[in-house]
Amino acid sequence: MRPHDLRRTAGYLMQTGGMNIVDIQHQLRHKNLGTTLRYVPPLADIAKILEDANNHEMG
């Protein structure tokens, strides 16, 4: 486990709790929104990643 893993988890939990991405950016103290989006991609992207992973495991 690395410190960035904890930051990523915190960002994810904030996002799934309904916090908007700009507030997450400030909470994680990122100067650039792009940095936050690397930690916390939009939920639709996460759903796609999980779906692809599940399809890969089954195929």
Protein backbone atom coordinates (compact mmCIF):
# COMPACT_ATOMS: atom_id res chain seq x y z
CA MET A 1 0.00 0.00 0.00
CA ARG A 2 1.31 3.41 -0.98
CA PRO A 3 0.21 6.88 0.17
CA HIS A 4 -1.24 7.57 -3.27
CA ASP A 5 -3.48 4.51 -2.93
CA LEU A 6 -5.06 6.15 0.11
CA ARG A 7 -5.52 9.43 -1.76
CA ARG A 8 -7.14 7.62 -4.66
CA THR A 9 -9.50 5.79 -2.30
CA ALA A 10 -10.37 9.02 -0.50
CA GLY A 11 -11.11 10.72 -3.82
CA TYR A 12 -13.27 7.82 -4.95
CA LEU A 13 -15.23 7.83 -1.70
CA MET A 14 -15.78 11.58 -1.93
CA GLN A 15 -17.00 11.16 -5.51
CA THR A 16 -19.38 8.30 -4.76
CA GLY A 17 -20.63 10.30 -1.77
CA GLY A 18 -21.77 13.01 -4.17
CA MET A 19 -18.97 15.56 -3.85
CA ASN A 20 -18.28 17.43 -7.08
CA ILE A 21 -14.91 17.12 -8.77
CA VAL A 22 -13.79 20.69 -8.01
CA ASP A 23 -14.38 20.19 -4.29
CA ILE A 24 -12.45 16.92 -4.48
CA GLN A 25 -9.64 18.79 -6.23
CA HIS A 26 -9.45 21.28 -3.37
CA GLN A 27 -9.67 18.56 -0.73
CA LEU A 28 -6.78 16.65 -2.33
CA ARG A 29 -4.90 19.96 -2.73
CA HIS A 30 -4.32 19.59 -6.45
CA LYS A 31 -3.51 22.78 -8.35
CA ASN A 32 -4.60 21.26 -11.64
CA LEU A 33 -7.98 19.60 -12.20
CA GLY A 34 -6.28 17.17 -14.60
CA THR A 35 -4.32 15.73 -11.68
CA THR A 36 -7.54 15.09 -9.79
CA LEU A 37 -9.09 13.43 -12.82
CA ARG A 38 -6.15 11.00 -12.95
CA TYR A 39 -6.90 10.02 -9.35
CA VAL A 40 -10.66 10.08 -9.68
CA PRO A 41 -11.88 9.47 -13.23
CA PRO A 42 -15.55 10.14 -13.96
CA LEU A 43 -17.78 7.37 -12.61
CA ALA A 44 -18.83 6.36 -16.11
CA ASP A 45 -15.17 5.63 -16.91
CA ILE A 46 -14.83 3.54 -13.76
CA ALA A 47 -17.91 1.52 -14.74
CA LYS A 48 -16.40 0.89 -18.19
CA ILE A 49 -13.06 -0.17 -16.70
CA LEU A 50 -14.79 -2.64 -14.36
CA GLU A 51 -16.97 -3.98 -17.16
CA ASP A 52 -13.92 -4.51 -19.39
CA ALA A 53 -12.07 -6.24 -16.55
CA ASN A 54 -15.01 -8.58 -15.93
CA ASN A 55 -15.30 -9.40 -19.63
CA HIS A 56 -11.58 -10.09 -19.81
CA GLU A 57 -11.73 -12.49 -16.86
CA MET A 58 -14.65 -14.41 -18.36
CA GLY A 59 -13.26 -14.51 -21.91
